[in-house]
């Protein structure tokens, strides 16, 4: 079963400096039908204007992944970490026992466009940790690129039974996704347009995928997508 969530159906806020779409209930946007999916709790698509950003604020017991689509984001946290991440960079922060951080557009005039993803960790109060990594276009072009997993190794280390892949799919190119019968998946189209088992998804659209063993993804135009391999867990 594939259930499509259209981009325009997501929660939306526009604060001037921040234009954001929320796939799941977040802040003042509350929708009981879209609280989470498996251990996936938040996917926010944020466009932050030049000079804008989030001041120092606290997080606990969440795996936070930031995926940059364009522009550059400046990160600082209470561990003393400081970095600027841009397109091709991915950041993972384990909020665990508690951390404060700030995120600001590194440019004063150009927007930064990103996806911020929150996942429930396998256990609470883990030691706080942080890492980021660059993934090249070649690693992602017309193939699945693993960017986060429980094993880490050549990907960011996730403290949850989740594997996150990204792909830059050229027009008319196809990916075939095999899904374990005991798993589910979530497809987020960041840019472009694809068919997933013949169902059309445009930029910002997503698909919950359950009880499917194979999904064929074909790009109608050049596309950028994220694929979450998830455990079957019902969120209450």
C-alpha atoms as a PDB file:
ATOM      1  CA  UNK A   1       0.000   0.000   0.000  1.00  0.00           C
ATOM      2  CA  UNK A   2       1.339   3.406  -0.988  1.00  0.00           C
ATOM      3  CA  UNK A   3      -0.245   6.474   0.610  1.00  0.00           C
ATOM      4  CA  UNK A   4       0.632   9.816  -0.953  1.00  0.00           C
ATOM      5  CA  UNK A   5       0.948  13.012   1.119  1.00  0.00           C
ATOM      6  CA  UNK A   6       0.797  16.013  -1.196  1.00  0.00           C
ATOM      7  CA  UNK A   7       3.094  18.943  -0.564  1.00  0.00           C
ATOM      8  CA  UNK A   8       0.237  21.434  -0.297  1.00  0.00           C
ATOM      9  CA  UNK A   9      -1.460  19.336   2.396  1.00  0.00           C
ATOM     10  CA  UNK A  10       1.437  19.776   4.826  1.00  0.00           C
ATOM     11  CA  UNK A  11       1.378  22.281   7.649  1.00  0.00           C
ATOM     12  CA  UNK A  12       2.638  25.705   6.596  1.00  0.00           C
ATOM     13  CA  UNK A  13       4.009  28.774   8.367  1.00  0.00           C
ATOM     14  CA  UNK A  14       5.517  31.933   6.912  1.00  0.00           C
ATOM     15  CA  UNK A  15       7.270  34.203   9.395  1.00  0.00           C
ATOM     16  CA  UNK A  16       8.989  36.273   6.722  1.00  0.00           C
ATOM     17  CA  UNK A  17      12.495  35.127   7.656  1.00  0.00           C
ATOM     18  CA  UNK A  18      11.252  31.490   7.714  1.00  0.00           C
ATOM     19  CA  UNK A  19       8.950  29.757   5.240  1.00  0.00           C
ATOM     20  CA  UNK A  20       8.351  26.207   6.456  1.00  0.00           C
ATOM     21  CA  UNK A  21       6.316  23.127   5.547  1.00  0.00           C
ATOM     22  CA  UNK A  22       5.677  20.458   8.202  1.00  0.00           C
ATOM     23  CA  UNK A  23       5.058  16.842   7.160  1.00  0.00           C
ATOM     24  CA  UNK A  24       4.067  15.913  10.724  1.00  0.00           C
ATOM     25  CA  UNK A  25       2.560  17.816  13.649  1.00  0.00           C
ATOM     26  CA  UNK A  26       5.083  20.401  14.814  1.00  0.00           C
ATOM     27  CA  UNK A  27       4.940  23.541  16.970  1.00  0.00           C
ATOM     28  CA  UNK A  28       1.567  25.242  16.326  1.00  0.00           C
ATOM     29  CA  UNK A  29       0.637  22.818  13.529  1.00  0.00           C
ATOM     30  CA  UNK A  30      -1.282  19.874  14.976  1.00  0.00           C
ATOM     31  CA  UNK A  31      -2.928  17.132  12.934  1.00  0.00           C
ATOM     32  CA  UNK A  32      -3.814  13.889  14.767  1.00  0.00           C
ATOM     33  CA  UNK A  33      -3.697  12.030  11.438  1.00  0.00           C
ATOM     34  CA  UNK A  34      -0.071  13.069  10.883  1.00  0.00           C
ATOM     35  CA  UNK A  35       1.787  12.747  14.170  1.00  0.00           C
ATOM     36  CA  UNK A  36       4.586  10.455  13.000  1.00  0.00           C
ATOM     37  CA  UNK A  37       5.361   7.450  10.834  1.00  0.00           C
ATOM     38  CA  UNK A  38       7.249   4.541  12.382  1.00  0.00           C
ATOM     39  CA  UNK A  39      10.096   6.300  14.281  1.00  0.00           C
ATOM     40  CA  UNK A  40      10.023   9.267  11.906  1.00  0.00           C
ATOM     41  CA  UNK A  41       8.723  12.214  13.947  1.00  0.00           C
ATOM     42  CA  UNK A  42       9.512  15.378  11.970  1.00  0.00           C
ATOM     43  CA  UNK A  43      10.307  16.370   8.405  1.00  0.00           C
ATOM     44  CA  UNK A  44      10.377  20.142   8.124  1.00  0.00           C
ATOM     45  CA  UNK A  45      11.175  21.769   4.793  1.00  0.00           C
ATOM     46  CA  UNK A  46      12.617  25.152   5.764  1.00  0.00           C
ATOM     47  CA  UNK A  47      13.604  28.125   3.619  1.00  0.00           C
ATOM     48  CA  UNK A  48      15.486  30.592   5.829  1.00  0.00           C
ATOM     49  CA  UNK A  49      16.032  34.091   4.473  1.00  0.00           C
ATOM     50  CA  UNK A  50      19.442  35.738   4.476  1.00  0.00           C
ATOM     51  CA  UNK A  51      20.509  36.666   7.993  1.00  0.00           C
ATOM     52  CA  UNK A  52      17.680  34.642   9.565  1.00  0.00           C
ATOM     53  CA  UNK A  53      17.822  31.654  11.836  1.00  0.00           C
ATOM     54  CA  UNK A  54      16.988  29.926  15.076  1.00  0.00           C
ATOM     55  CA  UNK A  55      18.677  31.215  18.230  1.00  0.00           C
ATOM     56  CA  UNK A  56      20.053  28.894  20.900  1.00  0.00           C
ATOM     57  CA  UNK A  57      17.351  26.373  21.886  1.00  0.00           C
ATOM     58  CA  UNK A  58      17.238  22.999  23.624  1.00  0.00           C
ATOM     59  CA  UNK A  59      16.589  19.425  22.431  1.00  0.00           C
ATOM     60  CA  UNK A  60      16.462  16.074  24.242  1.00  0.00           C
ATOM     61  CA  UNK A  61      16.082  12.438  23.202  1.00  0.00           C
ATOM     62  CA  UNK A  62      15.912  12.888  19.448  1.00  0.00           C
ATOM     63  CA  UNK A  63      18.075  11.979  16.465  1.00  0.00           C
ATOM     64  CA  UNK A  64      18.201  15.139  14.319  1.00  0.00           C
ATOM     65  CA  UNK A  65      19.376  15.002  10.705  1.00  0.00           C
ATOM     66  CA  UNK A  66      19.813  18.173   8.638  1.00  0.00           C
ATOM     67  CA  UNK A  67      19.962  17.803   4.848  1.00  0.00           C
ATOM     68  CA  UNK A  68      20.922  20.907   2.857  1.00  0.00           C
ATOM     69  CA  UNK A  69      19.300  21.394  -0.553  1.00  0.00           C
ATOM     70  CA  UNK A  70      20.842  24.794  -1.353  1.00  0.00           C
ATOM     71  CA  UNK A  71      22.631  27.592   0.447  1.00  0.00           C
ATOM     72  CA  UNK A  72      24.607  27.234   3.675  1.00  0.00           C
ATOM     73  CA  UNK A  73      23.640  26.831   7.340  1.00  0.00           C
ATOM     74  CA  UNK A  74      25.811  27.814  10.322  1.00  0.00           C
ATOM     75  CA  UNK A  75      25.525  25.480  13.330  1.00  0.00           C
ATOM     76  CA  UNK A  76      26.736  26.037  16.892  1.00  0.00           C
ATOM     77  CA  UNK A  77      25.981  23.954  19.975  1.00  0.00           C
ATOM     78  CA  UNK A  78      26.643  23.705  23.688  1.00  0.00           C
ATOM     79  CA  UNK A  79      29.277  21.003  23.090  1.00  0.00           C
ATOM     80  CA  UNK A  80      31.453  23.600  21.410  1.00  0.00           C
ATOM     81  CA  UNK A  81      30.813  22.312  17.886  1.00  0.00           C
ATOM     82  CA  UNK A  82      30.791  24.929  15.132  1.00  0.00           C
ATOM     83  CA  UNK A  83      30.387  24.304  11.410  1.00  0.00           C
ATOM     84  CA  UNK A  84      28.893  25.598   8.174  1.00  0.00           C
ATOM     85  CA  UNK A  85      27.104  22.980   6.093  1.00  0.00           C
ATOM     86  CA  UNK A  86      26.035  23.476   2.487  1.00  0.00           C
ATOM     87  CA  UNK A  87      24.513  21.505  -0.403  1.00  0.00           C
ATOM     88  CA  UNK A  88      25.876  17.967  -0.344  1.00  0.00           C
ATOM     89  CA  UNK A  89      26.467  18.092   3.408  1.00  0.00           C
ATOM     90  CA  UNK A  90      24.447  16.129   5.973  1.00  0.00           C
ATOM     91  CA  UNK A  91      24.523  16.633   9.737  1.00  0.00           C
ATOM     92  CA  UNK A  92      23.470  14.286  12.541  1.00  0.00           C
ATOM     93  CA  UNK A  93      23.000  15.406  16.117  1.00  0.00           C
ATOM     94  CA  UNK A  94      22.047  13.011  18.899  1.00  0.00           C
ATOM     95  CA  UNK A  95      20.254  15.251  21.394  1.00  0.00           C
ATOM     96  CA  UNK A  96      20.144  12.437  23.962  1.00  0.00           C
ATOM     97  CA  UNK A  97      20.536  13.686  27.515  1.00  0.00           C
ATOM     98  CA  UNK A  98      20.150  17.301  26.383  1.00  0.00           C
ATOM     99  CA  UNK A  99      21.893  19.853  24.158  1.00  0.00           C
ATOM    100  CA  UNK A 100      21.393  23.443  23.058  1.00  0.00           C
ATOM    101  CA  UNK A 101      22.170  24.657  19.551  1.00  0.00           C
ATOM    102  CA  UNK A 102      21.563  27.490  17.120  1.00  0.00           C
ATOM    103  CA  UNK A 103      21.108  27.427  13.337  1.00  0.00           C
ATOM    104  CA  UNK A 104      21.505  30.505  11.150  1.00  0.00           C
ATOM    105  CA  UNK A 105      21.699  31.174   7.448  1.00  0.00           C
ATOM    106  CA  UNK A 106      25.404  31.736   6.784  1.00  0.00           C
ATOM    107  CA  UNK A 107      24.545  34.301   4.097  1.00  0.00           C
ATOM    108  CA  UNK A 108      23.119  37.759   4.689  1.00  0.00           C
ATOM    109  CA  UNK A 109      21.286  37.874   1.351  1.00  0.00           C
ATOM    110  CA  UNK A 110      20.822  34.371  -0.108  1.00  0.00           C
ATOM    111  CA  UNK A 111      18.262  31.895   1.335  1.00  0.00           C
ATOM    112  CA  UNK A 112      19.177  28.457   2.637  1.00  0.00           C
ATOM    113  CA  UNK A 113      16.813  25.591   1.756  1.00  0.00           C
ATOM    114  CA  UNK A 114      16.935  22.468   3.912  1.00  0.00           C
ATOM    115  CA  UNK A 115      15.129  19.472   5.310  1.00  0.00           C
ATOM    116  CA  UNK A 116      15.341  18.930   9.051  1.00  0.00           C
ATOM    117  CA  UNK A 117      14.439  15.404  10.121  1.00  0.00           C
ATOM    118  CA  UNK A 118      13.789  14.126  13.639  1.00  0.00           C
ATOM    119  CA  UNK A 119      13.701  10.437  14.533  1.00  0.00           C
ATOM    120  CA  UNK A 120      12.937   8.806  17.861  1.00  0.00           C
ATOM    121  CA  UNK A 121      16.092   7.120  19.243  1.00  0.00           C
ATOM    122  CA  UNK A 122      16.250   3.465  20.249  1.00  0.00           C
ATOM    123  CA  UNK A 123      16.844   4.535  23.855  1.00  0.00           C
ATOM    124  CA  UNK A 124      16.624   7.739  25.844  1.00  0.00           C
ATOM    125  CA  UNK A 125      19.337   9.801  27.517  1.00  0.00           C
ATOM    126  CA  UNK A 126      22.136   8.734  25.189  1.00  0.00           C
ATOM    127  CA  UNK A 127      25.377  10.741  25.312  1.00  0.00           C
ATOM    128  CA  UNK A 128      25.064  13.850  23.180  1.00  0.00           C
ATOM    129  CA  UNK A 129      27.051  13.610  19.936  1.00  0.00           C
ATOM    130  CA  UNK A 130      27.419  15.370  16.603  1.00  0.00           C
ATOM    131  CA  UNK A 131      28.854  14.681  13.157  1.00  0.00           C
ATOM    132  CA  UNK A 132      28.576  15.937   9.612  1.00  0.00           C
ATOM    133  CA  UNK A 133      29.742  14.620   6.280  1.00  0.00           C
ATOM    134  CA  UNK A 134      29.822  15.619   2.610  1.00  0.00           C
ATOM    135  CA  UNK A 135      28.352  13.275  -0.026  1.00  0.00           C
ATOM    136  CA  UNK A 136      29.367  14.002  -3.599  1.00  0.00           C
ATOM    137  CA  UNK A 137      27.070  14.240  -6.612  1.00  0.00           C
ATOM    138  CA  UNK A 138      28.797  11.170  -8.041  1.00  0.00           C
ATOM    139  CA  UNK A 139      27.911   9.114  -4.949  1.00  0.00           C
ATOM    140  CA  UNK A 140      24.227  10.012  -5.371  1.00  0.00           C
ATOM    141  CA  UNK A 141      23.776  10.179  -9.145  1.00  0.00           C
ATOM    142  CA  UNK A 142      21.262   7.569 -10.384  1.00  0.00           C
ATOM    143  CA  UNK A 143      21.909   5.317  -7.417  1.00  0.00           C
ATOM    144  CA  UNK A 144      21.025   5.008  -3.753  1.00  0.00           C
ATOM    145  CA  UNK A 145      23.572   6.615  -1.460  1.00  0.00           C
ATOM    146  CA  UNK A 146      23.422   5.529   2.178  1.00  0.00           C
ATOM    147  CA  UNK A 147      23.884   8.643   4.316  1.00  0.00           C
ATOM    148  CA  UNK A 148      22.811   7.389   7.771  1.00  0.00           C
ATOM    149  CA  UNK A 149      22.585   3.950   9.391  1.00  0.00           C
ATOM    150  CA  UNK A 150      22.948   2.197  12.775  1.00  0.00           C
ATOM    151  CA  UNK A 151      26.364   0.899  11.692  1.00  0.00           C
ATOM    152  CA  UNK A 152      27.750   4.264  10.658  1.00  0.00           C
ATOM    153  CA  UNK A 153      30.965   3.299   8.819  1.00  0.00           C
ATOM    154  CA  UNK A 154      30.758   5.273   5.545  1.00  0.00           C
ATOM    155  CA  UNK A 155      27.544   6.985   6.668  1.00  0.00           C
ATOM    156  CA  UNK A 156      26.422   9.018   9.652  1.00  0.00           C
ATOM    157  CA  UNK A 157      25.719   6.862  12.698  1.00  0.00           C
ATOM    158  CA  UNK A 158      22.045   6.671  13.729  1.00  0.00           C
ATOM    159  CA  UNK A 159      20.989   5.466  17.168  1.00  0.00           C
ATOM    160  CA  UNK A 160      17.921   3.776  15.710  1.00  0.00           C
ATOM    161  CA  UNK A 161      17.114   0.906  13.328  1.00  0.00           C
ATOM    162  CA  UNK A 162      16.821   3.256  10.354  1.00  0.00           C
ATOM    163  CA  UNK A 163      18.692   3.544   7.087  1.00  0.00           C
ATOM    164  CA  UNK A 164      18.426   6.807   5.187  1.00  0.00           C
ATOM    165  CA  UNK A 165      19.371   6.979   1.516  1.00  0.00           C
ATOM    166  CA  UNK A 166      19.429   9.843  -0.973  1.00  0.00           C
ATOM    167  CA  UNK A 167      19.510   9.860  -4.765  1.00  0.00           C
ATOM    168  CA  UNK A 168      19.889  12.374  -7.570  1.00  0.00           C
ATOM    169  CA  UNK A 169      17.845  10.745 -10.304  1.00  0.00           C
ATOM    170  CA  UNK A 170      18.190  11.937 -13.908  1.00  0.00           C
ATOM    171  CA  UNK A 171      15.078  12.221 -16.087  1.00  0.00           C
ATOM    172  CA  UNK A 172      13.901   8.780 -17.306  1.00  0.00           C
ATOM    173  CA  UNK A 173      16.235   6.974 -14.879  1.00  0.00           C
ATOM    174  CA  UNK A 174      14.813   4.274 -12.609  1.00  0.00           C
ATOM    175  CA  UNK A 175      15.549   2.866  -9.161  1.00  0.00           C
ATOM    176  CA  UNK A 176      14.071  -0.423  -7.969  1.00  0.00           C
ATOM    177  CA  UNK A 177      13.602  -0.634  -4.215  1.00  0.00           C
ATOM    178  CA  UNK A 178      13.255  -3.994  -2.485  1.00  0.00           C
ATOM    179  CA  UNK A 179      11.506  -3.870   0.896  1.00  0.00           C
ATOM    180  CA  UNK A 180      11.720  -6.558   3.565  1.00  0.00           C
ATOM    181  CA  UNK A 181       8.245  -7.839   4.486  1.00  0.00           C
ATOM    182  CA  UNK A 182       8.927  -6.874   8.111  1.00  0.00           C
ATOM    183  CA  UNK A 183       9.851  -3.288   7.210  1.00  0.00           C
ATOM    184  CA  UNK A 184       8.152  -0.174   5.879  1.00  0.00           C
ATOM    185  CA  UNK A 185       9.479   2.818   3.956  1.00  0.00           C
ATOM    186  CA  UNK A 186       8.967   6.531   3.489  1.00  0.00           C
ATOM    187  CA  UNK A 187       9.786   8.396   0.284  1.00  0.00           C
ATOM    188  CA  UNK A 188      10.301  12.165   0.331  1.00  0.00           C
ATOM    189  CA  UNK A 189      10.683  13.948  -2.995  1.00  0.00           C
ATOM    190  CA  UNK A 190      12.846  16.986  -2.331  1.00  0.00           C
ATOM    191  CA  UNK A 191      13.007  18.278  -5.898  1.00  0.00           C
ATOM    192  CA  UNK A 192      11.709  17.243  -9.309  1.00  0.00           C
ATOM    193  CA  UNK A 193       9.017  14.717 -10.191  1.00  0.00           C
ATOM    194  CA  UNK A 194       8.906  10.916 -10.010  1.00  0.00           C
ATOM    195  CA  UNK A 195       6.570   7.975 -10.481  1.00  0.00           C
ATOM    196  CA  UNK A 196       6.484   5.463  -7.603  1.00  0.00           C
ATOM    197  CA  UNK A 197       4.842   2.273  -8.867  1.00  0.00           C
ATOM    198  CA  UNK A 198       3.058   4.494 -11.371  1.00  0.00           C
ATOM    199  CA  UNK A 199       1.893   7.069  -8.791  1.00  0.00           C
ATOM    200  CA  UNK A 200       2.997  10.662  -9.438  1.00  0.00           C
ATOM    201  CA  UNK A 201       4.933  12.591  -6.798  1.00  0.00           C
ATOM    202  CA  UNK A 202       6.096  16.176  -7.238  1.00  0.00           C
ATOM    203  CA  UNK A 203       8.577  18.232  -5.235  1.00  0.00           C
ATOM    204  CA  UNK A 204       7.495  18.255  -1.585  1.00  0.00           C
ATOM    205  CA  UNK A 205       5.264  15.190  -1.945  1.00  0.00           C
ATOM    206  CA  UNK A 206       5.872  12.084   0.142  1.00  0.00           C
ATOM    207  CA  UNK A 207       4.704   8.474   0.259  1.00  0.00           C
ATOM    208  CA  UNK A 208       4.120   6.100   3.159  1.00  0.00           C
ATOM    209  CA  UNK A 209       4.896   2.604   1.920  1.00  0.00           C
ATOM    210  CA  UNK A 210       3.574  -0.467   3.738  1.00  0.00           C
ATOM    211  CA  UNK A 211       3.079  -4.116   2.764  1.00  0.00           C
ATOM    212  CA  UNK A 212       4.933  -3.596  -0.521  1.00  0.00           C
ATOM    213  CA  UNK A 213       7.916  -5.725  -1.471  1.00  0.00           C
ATOM    214  CA  UNK A 214       9.093  -3.764  -4.528  1.00  0.00           C
ATOM    215  CA  UNK A 215       8.791  -0.087  -5.438  1.00  0.00           C
ATOM    216  CA  UNK A 216       9.966   1.202  -8.802  1.00  0.00           C
ATOM    217  CA  UNK A 217      10.854   4.889  -8.822  1.00  0.00           C
ATOM    218  CA  UNK A 218      11.161   6.555 -12.233  1.00  0.00           C
ATOM    219  CA  UNK A 219      12.165  10.196 -12.639  1.00  0.00           C
ATOM    220  CA  UNK A 220       9.955  12.208 -14.975  1.00  0.00           C
ATOM    221  CA  UNK A 221      12.377  15.133 -14.745  1.00  0.00           C
ATOM    222  CA  UNK A 222      15.627  15.425 -12.784  1.00  0.00           C
ATOM    223  CA  UNK A 223      14.782  14.671  -9.154  1.00  0.00           C
ATOM    224  CA  UNK A 224      16.286  14.555  -5.683  1.00  0.00           C
ATOM    225  CA  UNK A 225      14.765  12.130  -3.209  1.00  0.00           C
ATOM    226  CA  UNK A 226      15.199  10.680   0.256  1.00  0.00           C
ATOM    227  CA  UNK A 227      14.318   7.066   1.066  1.00  0.00           C
ATOM    228  CA  UNK A 228      13.804   5.914   4.671  1.00  0.00           C
ATOM    229  CA  UNK A 229      14.030   2.184   5.466  1.00  0.00           C
ATOM    230  CA  UNK A 230      12.078   1.941   8.733  1.00  0.00           C
ATOM    231  CA  UNK A 231      10.943  -0.573  11.351  1.00  0.00           C
ATOM    232  CA  UNK A 232       7.214  -1.303  11.554  1.00  0.00           C
ATOM    233  CA  UNK A 233       6.193   0.589  14.686  1.00  0.00           C
ATOM    234  CA  UNK A 234       2.829   2.161  15.441  1.00  0.00           C
ATOM    235  CA  UNK A 235       3.165   5.637  16.949  1.00  0.00           C
ATOM    236  CA  UNK A 236       0.728   6.373  19.752  1.00  0.00           C
END
